[in-house]
């Protein structure tokens, strides 16, 4: 190999440059993360039925979804978890199955099973699953001095969350904190009993009178008229005039037994940031996405999001997992540099050769004397062969001196 390298110096230079170029390209494109990329396709099915007991969720929803989705081609393992009102089923596929194919199969099977689930079950949500991305990469907080928690939740859920979905590699599944807006009818039980009505009569009356049914068109003479019958209340106060039931020939309105209010449902989670109530959105990464790129994309998008939401709202990133990734990479770089310094120090102490010490820090160790390029071969030998013998002899003399000193 040494003879080939000496006879083809330009080839050696080209190979060194090619290795250097490929190394720099790979280093620039190499994904950097704490955990390796999870390449095995996995799909998660999330089904909600608020208030359903755990045993019923497992028997009537989780077990059915497991049986139906197990028919997908390539399912290797299934996991499930049932909570109050929540069913989670995870299907793990073989590595040779395409992730998009796995997702489409499970989606079609889960939706087809909806017919057999208990009435009122929310349609299953099917999404890719990555066990290495179970923790959020960043937490985005939304606060304001001029808006209440209900308004903040609406802005976060209907506006900001949709904008975050446009960032490459991000998933923003939910909003925590705040109050969910609801139009509620508060019923007086005494007035309700006085009219001989039950809460079910109120619910049926509201459902009957608050409807939107397409009616089509009406052709009158040469003109075709589009008929719009919007039965939904334009304002909250209009709900108070809904007739609920006919009692003794007289209609009973909502205002006769209670009042409709624009309010919020019972709050089940509260978020405090520095002692202040706020709303936050956890940001996860999609399978195969890079942590640093996702967080940088989120921070770059914040000015654009801030310009499109109502004024007076403050957006801040209070948790950033890319910091730990960068610290880990910095630690690796410091350890590599420390190892090189220690190796060079050992060479300098035991061999006493400054040239060998410098070689450790060079990117390539196959350096050669440039005189090989300029000087021709004489008598079938390269001029450097004599120098090599002299250097070897000098090395033996140096080692002899070291032994004598010892």
Protein backbone atom coordinates (compact mmCIF):
# COMPACT_ATOMS: atom_id res chain seq x y z
CA UNK A 1 0.00 0.00 0.00
CA UNK A 2 2.89 2.38 0.74
CA UNK A 3 4.42 1.79 -2.69
CA UNK A 4 1.06 2.38 -4.40
CA UNK A 5 0.56 5.60 -2.44
CA UNK A 6 4.03 6.85 -3.26
CA UNK A 7 3.65 6.07 -6.94
CA UNK A 8 0.20 7.77 -7.15
CA UNK A 9 0.41 10.90 -5.03
CA UNK A 10 -2.40 12.68 -6.85
CA UNK A 11 -4.71 9.71 -6.30
CA UNK A 12 -3.96 9.85 -2.59
CA UNK A 13 -4.76 13.57 -2.53
CA UNK A 14 -8.08 12.97 -4.32
CA UNK A 15 -9.00 10.18 -1.88
CA UNK A 16 -8.16 12.38 1.11
CA UNK A 17 -10.28 15.24 -0.25
CA UNK A 18 -13.15 12.84 -1.06
CA UNK A 19 -13.08 11.38 2.47
CA UNK A 20 -12.97 14.88 3.94
CA UNK A 21 -15.89 16.05 1.77
CA UNK A 22 -18.03 12.99 2.54
CA UNK A 23 -17.25 13.30 6.24
CA UNK A 24 -18.24 16.95 6.40
CA UNK A 25 -21.46 16.26 4.43
CA UNK A 26 -22.47 13.35 6.66
CA UNK A 27 -21.63 15.29 9.82
CA UNK A 28 -23.81 18.20 8.69
CA UNK A 29 -26.79 15.98 7.85
CA UNK A 30 -26.46 13.51 10.71
CA UNK A 31 -29.55 13.63 12.98
CA UNK A 32 -28.69 14.72 16.50
CA UNK A 33 -30.96 13.59 19.30
CA UNK A 34 -30.87 12.00 22.74
CA UNK A 35 -32.56 8.78 21.59
CA UNK A 36 -32.24 7.01 18.22
CA UNK A 37 -34.98 7.23 15.62
CA UNK A 38 -37.73 4.67 16.17
CA UNK A 39 -38.14 3.09 12.73
CA UNK A 40 -40.67 0.37 13.60
CA UNK A 41 -44.14 1.49 12.41
CA UNK A 42 -46.58 1.99 15.27
CA UNK A 43 -50.12 3.41 15.33
CA UNK A 44 -52.15 4.67 18.30
CA UNK A 45 -55.96 4.67 18.48
CA UNK A 46 -57.46 7.06 21.04
CA UNK A 47 -61.19 6.74 21.75
CA UNK A 48 -63.14 8.92 24.18
CA UNK A 49 -66.48 8.39 25.89
CA UNK A 50 -66.76 10.95 28.73
CA UNK A 51 -67.94 9.44 31.99
CA UNK A 52 -67.80 5.80 30.89
CA UNK A 53 -66.46 3.49 33.67
CA UNK A 54 -63.12 1.79 33.17
CA UNK A 55 -64.55 -1.74 33.06
CA UNK A 56 -67.08 -0.77 30.39
CA UNK A 57 -64.41 1.04 28.36
CA UNK A 58 -62.25 -2.07 28.36
CA UNK A 59 -65.05 -4.53 27.61
CA UNK A 60 -67.07 -2.63 25.01
CA UNK A 61 -64.49 -0.33 23.36
CA UNK A 62 -60.88 -1.40 23.96
CA UNK A 63 -61.41 -5.11 23.33
CA UNK A 64 -63.42 -4.46 20.18
CA UNK A 65 -60.81 -2.11 18.75
CA UNK A 66 -58.07 -4.64 19.53
CA UNK A 67 -59.91 -7.37 17.64
CA UNK A 68 -60.70 -5.18 14.66
CA UNK A 69 -57.33 -3.47 14.24
CA UNK A 70 -55.44 -6.74 14.68
CA UNK A 71 -56.67 -7.65 11.19
CA UNK A 72 -54.24 -5.12 9.69
CA UNK A 73 -51.43 -6.68 7.71
CA UNK A 74 -48.17 -6.94 9.65
CA UNK A 75 -49.31 -6.35 13.24
CA UNK A 76 -46.62 -7.83 15.51
CA UNK A 77 -47.69 -6.56 18.94
CA UNK A 78 -50.62 -4.82 20.59
CA UNK A 79 -50.82 -2.75 23.77
CA UNK A 80 -53.90 -1.21 25.35
CA UNK A 81 -54.87 0.93 28.29
CA UNK A 82 -58.34 1.76 29.60
CA UNK A 83 -59.19 4.65 31.88
CA UNK A 84 -62.38 6.43 32.86
CA UNK A 85 -63.78 7.65 29.55
CA UNK A 86 -60.50 6.94 27.67
CA UNK A 87 -59.34 3.97 25.60
CA UNK A 88 -55.81 3.76 24.16
CA UNK A 89 -54.79 0.97 21.77
CA UNK A 90 -51.31 0.78 20.20
CA UNK A 91 -50.51 -1.47 17.26
CA UNK A 92 -46.83 -2.22 16.54
CA UNK A 93 -46.02 -3.48 13.05
CA UNK A 94 -43.12 -5.41 11.59
CA UNK A 95 -40.18 -3.29 10.39
CA UNK A 96 -40.85 -4.23 6.74
CA UNK A 97 -44.33 -2.61 6.78
CA UNK A 98 -44.60 0.90 5.35
CA UNK A 99 -45.71 3.39 8.06
CA UNK A 100 -48.25 5.07 5.77
CA UNK A 101 -49.78 1.71 4.86
CA UNK A 102 -50.03 0.78 8.54
CA UNK A 103 -51.72 4.08 9.38
CA UNK A 104 -54.27 3.81 6.57
CA UNK A 105 -55.15 0.20 7.45
CA UNK A 106 -55.71 0.94 11.13
CA UNK A 107 -57.71 4.08 10.32
CA UNK A 108 -60.14 2.24 8.06
CA UNK A 109 -60.55 -0.65 10.50
CA UNK A 110 -61.11 1.64 13.51
CA UNK A 111 -63.74 3.73 11.71
CA UNK A 112 -65.55 0.62 10.47
CA UNK A 113 -65.73 -0.61 14.09
CA UNK A 114 -67.50 2.60 15.17
CA UNK A 115 -70.85 1.07 14.14
CA UNK A 116 -70.47 -1.62 16.84
CA UNK A 117 -69.26 0.68 19.63
CA UNK A 118 -71.70 2.01 22.26
CA UNK A 119 -73.95 4.83 21.00
CA UNK A 120 -72.45 8.25 21.68
CA UNK A 121 -68.83 7.11 21.36
CA UNK A 122 -66.60 9.83 19.92
CA UNK A 123 -65.04 8.59 16.64
CA UNK A 124 -61.58 7.09 17.25
CA UNK A 125 -58.55 9.32 16.64
CA UNK A 126 -55.82 7.40 14.80
CA UNK A 127 -52.28 8.84 14.76
CA UNK A 128 -48.67 7.65 14.37
CA UNK A 129 -46.98 6.64 17.60
CA UNK A 130 -43.33 7.07 18.56
CA UNK A 131 -42.29 5.77 22.01
CA UNK A 132 -39.14 7.93 21.91
CA UNK A 133 -41.29 11.09 21.62
CA UNK A 134 -43.49 10.57 24.67
CA UNK A 135 -42.24 13.79 26.31
CA UNK A 136 -42.94 17.21 24.78
CA UNK A 137 -40.02 18.94 23.10
CA UNK A 138 -41.27 22.36 24.16
CA UNK A 139 -44.08 23.95 26.14
CA UNK A 140 -45.67 27.10 24.72
CA UNK A 141 -47.51 29.28 27.24
CA UNK A 142 -50.28 31.73 26.32
CA UNK A 143 -51.05 34.57 28.72
CA UNK A 144 -52.79 37.94 28.61
CA UNK A 145 -53.66 40.80 30.92
CA UNK A 146 -56.82 41.71 29.00
CA UNK A 147 -58.41 38.27 28.37
CA UNK A 148 -59.95 35.74 30.73
CA UNK A 149 -59.18 32.02 30.74
CA UNK A 150 -62.10 31.16 28.46
CA UNK A 151 -60.95 33.56 25.75
CA UNK A 152 -57.34 32.37 26.07
CA UNK A 153 -58.42 28.76 25.65
CA UNK A 154 -60.41 29.59 22.50
CA UNK A 155 -57.45 31.43 20.94
CA UNK A 156 -55.05 28.64 21.85
CA UNK A 157 -57.33 25.83 20.66
CA UNK A 158 -58.82 27.29 17.50
CA UNK A 159 -55.97 29.52 16.29
CA UNK A 160 -52.53 28.87 17.75
CA UNK A 161 -52.79 25.08 17.73
CA UNK A 162 -53.66 25.06 14.03
CA UNK A 163 -50.73 27.36 13.23
CA UNK A 164 -48.33 25.08 15.11
CA UNK A 165 -49.40 22.18 12.91
CA UNK A 166 -47.82 23.97 9.94
CA UNK A 167 -44.33 23.70 11.48
CA UNK A 168 -42.39 20.79 10.04
CA UNK A 169 -42.21 17.80 12.36
CA UNK A 170 -44.49 19.13 15.11
CA UNK A 171 -47.58 17.71 16.79
CA UNK A 172 -49.70 19.90 19.09
CA UNK A 173 -52.48 17.56 20.24
CA UNK A 174 -54.12 19.40 23.13
CA UNK A 175 -54.44 22.58 25.16
CA UNK A 176 -54.10 22.52 28.95
CA UNK A 177 -55.48 25.03 31.40
CA UNK A 178 -58.14 27.61 30.71
CA UNK A 179 -61.89 27.19 30.62
CA UNK A 180 -63.83 25.55 27.82
CA UNK A 181 -66.67 27.78 26.63
CA UNK A 182 -70.17 26.31 26.86
CA UNK A 183 -73.75 27.59 26.46
CA UNK A 184 -75.55 26.20 29.51
CA UNK A 185 -79.15 26.37 30.64
CA UNK A 186 -79.45 26.67 34.42
CA UNK A 187 -82.75 25.11 35.54
CA UNK A 188 -84.62 25.93 38.74
CA UNK A 189 -85.79 22.55 40.11
CA UNK A 190 -88.74 24.09 41.97
CA UNK A 191 -90.08 25.89 38.89
CA UNK A 192 -89.43 22.77 36.82
CA UNK A 193 -91.46 20.62 39.22
CA UNK A 194 -94.25 23.21 39.32
CA UNK A 195 -94.76 22.77 35.57
CA UNK A 196 -94.59 18.97 35.81
CA UNK A 197 -91.41 18.71 33.76
CA UNK A 198 -88.17 16.79 34.09
CA UNK A 199 -84.58 17.70 33.05
CA UNK A 200 -84.97 15.28 30.13
CA UNK A 201 -87.88 17.39 28.81
CA UNK A 202 -85.58 20.43 28.81
CA UNK A 203 -82.81 18.57 26.96
CA UNK A 204 -85.22 17.22 24.33
CA UNK A 205 -86.79 20.64 23.82
CA UNK A 206 -83.44 22.35 23.29
CA UNK A 207 -82.36 19.64 20.85
CA UNK A 208 -85.62 19.94 18.91
CA UNK A 209 -85.67 23.71 18.52
CA UNK A 210 -81.96 24.32 17.96
CA UNK A 211 -81.44 22.64 14.58
CA UNK A 212 -79.95 23.30 11.16
CA UNK A 213 -81.67 21.21 8.47
CA UNK A 214 -81.02 21.72 4.74
CA UNK A 215 -84.36 22.06 2.92
CA UNK A 216 -83.21 22.44 -0.69
CA UNK A 217 -84.94 24.79 -3.13
CA UNK A 218 -88.42 25.78 -4.29
CA UNK A 219 -89.27 26.35 -7.95
CA UNK A 220 -91.97 29.01 -8.26
CA UNK A 221 -92.75 29.91 -11.84
CA UNK A 222 -89.59 30.51 -13.83
CA UNK A 223 -87.52 31.20 -10.70
CA UNK A 224 -85.74 28.66 -8.54
CA UNK A 225 -85.42 29.84 -4.92
CA UNK A 226 -82.91 28.49 -2.42
CA UNK A 227 -84.60 28.04 0.96
CA UNK A 228 -82.54 28.48 4.11
CA UNK A 229 -84.09 27.30 7.37
CA UNK A 230 -81.54 28.02 10.06
CA UNK A 231 -83.17 27.03 13.33
CA UNK A 232 -80.10 27.70 15.45
CA UNK A 233 -80.28 30.54 17.94
CA UNK A 234 -78.34 33.63 16.76
CA UNK A 235 -77.72 34.81 20.34
CA UNK A 236 -77.72 33.28 23.80
CA UNK A 237 -80.73 35.35 24.87
CA UNK A 238 -82.77 33.84 22.02
CA UNK A 239 -82.51 30.43 23.71
CA UNK A 240 -84.63 31.72 26.57
CA UNK A 241 -87.58 32.00 24.14
CA UNK A 242 -87.41 28.34 23.05
CA UNK A 243 -90.68 26.47 23.76
CA UNK A 244 -89.97 23.26 25.63
CA UNK A 245 -93.36 21.63 26.22
CA UNK A 246 -97.10 22.27 25.99
CA UNK A 247 -98.71 21.99 29.43
CA UNK A 248 -102.49 22.52 29.72
CA UNK A 249 -102.53 24.11 26.27
CA UNK A 250 -99.86 26.70 27.14
CA UNK A 251 -96.24 26.56 25.97
CA UNK A 252 -93.50 26.45 28.59
CA UNK A 253 -90.44 28.46 27.58
CA UNK A 254 -86.88 28.17 28.79
CA UNK A 255 -87.23 31.48 30.65
CA UNK A 256 -90.11 29.98 32.62
CA UNK A 257 -87.99 27.30 34.24
CA UNK A 258 -84.45 28.76 34.12
CA UNK A 259 -82.01 30.90 32.16
CA UNK A 260 -79.44 30.36 29.40
CA UNK A 261 -75.94 31.74 29.92
CA UNK A 262 -72.75 32.00 27.92
CA UNK A 263 -70.33 30.46 30.42
CA UNK A 264 -67.88 27.55 30.70
CA UNK A 265 -67.97 23.93 31.73
CA UNK A 266 -66.62 22.66 35.02
CA UNK A 267 -62.87 23.26 35.01
CA UNK A 268 -60.87 20.05 35.53
CA UNK A 269 -57.30 21.34 35.11
CA UNK A 270 -55.60 24.57 36.11
CA UNK A 271 -52.18 25.77 34.92
CA UNK A 272 -50.04 28.08 37.04
CA UNK A 273 -46.86 29.63 35.63
CA UNK A 274 -44.97 31.70 38.21
CA UNK A 275 -48.12 31.86 40.33
CA UNK A 276 -50.25 33.12 37.46
CA UNK A 277 -53.07 31.26 35.69
CA UNK A 278 -52.20 30.64 32.06
CA UNK A 279 -52.79 28.25 29.16
CA UNK A 280 -50.10 26.08 27.63
CA UNK A 281 -49.70 23.85 24.57
CA UNK A 282 -47.23 20.93 24.68
CA UNK A 283 -45.38 20.48 21.38
CA UNK A 284 -44.30 16.96 20.41
CA UNK A 285 -42.26 15.78 17.44
CA UNK A 286 -43.50 13.51 14.69
CA UNK A 287 -41.84 10.10 14.21
CA UNK A 288 -38.42 10.60 12.62
CA UNK A 289 -38.28 14.36 13.22
CA UNK A 290 -35.22 16.02 14.74
CA UNK A 291 -35.50 17.65 18.16
CA UNK A 292 -33.27 20.64 17.45
CA UNK A 293 -34.91 21.38 14.08
CA UNK A 294 -38.43 21.17 15.55
CA UNK A 295 -37.64 23.54 18.44
CA UNK A 296 -35.83 25.99 16.17
CA UNK A 297 -38.79 25.92 13.76
CA UNK A 298 -41.14 26.64 16.66
CA UNK A 299 -39.11 29.63 17.84
CA UNK A 300 -38.80 30.99 14.30
CA UNK A 301 -42.59 30.73 13.82
CA UNK A 302 -43.52 32.59 17.02
CA UNK A 303 -43.25 36.11 15.47
CA UNK A 304 -45.53 35.07 12.60
CA UNK A 305 -48.05 33.52 15.00
CA UNK A 306 -47.91 36.60 17.25
CA UNK A 307 -48.81 38.82 14.32
CA UNK A 308 -51.92 36.76 13.47
CA UNK A 309 -53.54 36.51 16.90
CA UNK A 310 -55.39 39.25 18.83
CA UNK A 311 -53.15 41.89 20.42
CA UNK A 312 -52.37 41.65 24.09
CA UNK A 313 -51.47 37.94 24.08
CA UNK A 314 -47.98 36.92 25.17
CA UNK A 315 -46.38 33.73 23.78
CA UNK A 316 -43.38 32.22 25.56
CA UNK A 317 -41.46 28.93 25.37
CA UNK A 318 -40.83 27.92 28.99
CA UNK A 319 -39.54 24.38 28.36
CA UNK A 320 -37.01 23.51 25.66
CA UNK A 321 -35.72 19.93 25.41
CA UNK A 322 -33.21 20.88 22.70
CA UNK A 323 -31.08 22.48 25.44
CA UNK A 324 -30.32 19.02 26.84
CA UNK A 325 -29.52 17.70 23.36
CA UNK A 326 -27.08 20.54 22.73
CA UNK A 327 -25.47 20.01 26.14
CA UNK A 328 -25.03 16.31 25.39
CA UNK A 329 -23.41 17.10 22.04
CA UNK A 330 -21.15 19.67 23.66
CA UNK A 331 -20.14 17.11 26.27
CA UNK A 332 -19.25 14.60 23.54
CA UNK A 333 -17.14 17.20 21.74
CA UNK A 334 -15.31 18.10 24.95
CA UNK A 335 -14.65 14.43 25.72
CA UNK A 336 -13.29 13.85 22.21
CA UNK A 337 -11.01 16.88 22.47
CA UNK A 338 -9.83 15.82 25.93
CA UNK A 339 -9.05 12.32 24.65
CA UNK A 340 -7.00 13.76 21.78
CA UNK A 341 -5.08 16.06 24.14
CA UNK A 342 -4.29 13.20 26.54
CA UNK A 343 -3.18 10.92 23.69
CA UNK A 344 -0.90 13.65 22.32
CA UNK A 345 0.50 14.24 25.79
CA UNK A 346 1.30 10.54 26.19
CA UNK A 347 3.09 10.49 22.81
CA UNK A 348 5.07 13.58 23.74
CA UNK A 349 6.10 12.22 27.17
CA UNK A 350 7.06 8.65 26.18
CA UNK A 351 8.36 9.16 22.62
CA UNK A 352 9.67 12.68 22.93
CA UNK A 353 8.59 13.38 19.34
CA UNK A 354 6.86 16.68 18.64
CA UNK A 355 6.10 15.54 15.08
CA UNK A 356 4.20 12.47 16.25
CA UNK A 357 2.35 14.62 18.75
CA UNK A 358 1.14 17.01 16.03
CA UNK A 359 0.03 14.10 13.82
CA UNK A 360 -2.68 13.18 16.35
CA UNK A 361 -4.47 16.48 15.69
CA UNK A 362 -4.30 16.17 11.90
CA UNK A 363 -7.52 15.12 10.10
CA UNK A 364 -5.64 12.52 8.06
CA UNK A 365 -2.56 10.48 9.04
CA UNK A 366 -1.55 9.36 5.53
CA UNK A 367 0.63 12.42 4.90
CA UNK A 368 3.62 12.02 2.62
CA UNK A 369 6.64 14.07 1.67
CA UNK A 370 6.05 16.38 -1.26
CA UNK A 371 9.50 15.52 -2.56
CA UNK A 372 8.05 12.27 -3.94
CA UNK A 373 6.10 14.31 -6.46
CA UNK A 374 9.03 16.35 -7.74
CA UNK A 375 11.92 13.86 -7.74
CA UNK A 376 12.09 11.03 -10.27
CA UNK A 377 12.77 7.43 -9.45
CA UNK A 378 16.46 6.57 -9.68
CA UNK A 379 17.76 3.03 -10.05
CA UNK A 380 14.32 1.64 -9.20
CA UNK A 381 14.34 3.32 -5.80
CA UNK A 382 12.74 6.43 -4.47
CA UNK A 383 15.02 8.98 -2.84
CA UNK A 384 12.87 8.83 0.28
CA UNK A 385 13.80 5.18 0.82
CA UNK A 386 17.30 6.28 1.92
CA UNK A 387 15.76 8.88 4.22
CA UNK A 388 13.52 6.20 5.69
CA UNK A 389 16.49 4.00 6.50
CA UNK A 390 18.30 6.92 8.06
CA UNK A 391 15.22 7.79 10.15
CA UNK A 392 14.95 4.18 11.29
CA UNK A 393 18.63 4.16 12.23
CA UNK A 394 18.17 7.41 14.06
CA UNK A 395 15.20 5.88 15.87
CA UNK A 396 17.34 2.91 16.99
CA UNK A 397 20.01 5.28 18.27
CA UNK A 398 17.37 7.29 20.14
CA UNK A 399 15.97 4.14 21.71
CA UNK A 400 19.52 3.10 22.68
CA UNK A 401 20.00 6.41 24.42
CA UNK A 402 16.70 5.97 26.24
CA UNK A 403 17.78 2.51 27.45
CA UNK A 404 21.12 3.82 28.64
CA UNK A 405 19.43 6.61 30.52
CA UNK A 406 17.06 4.16 32.12
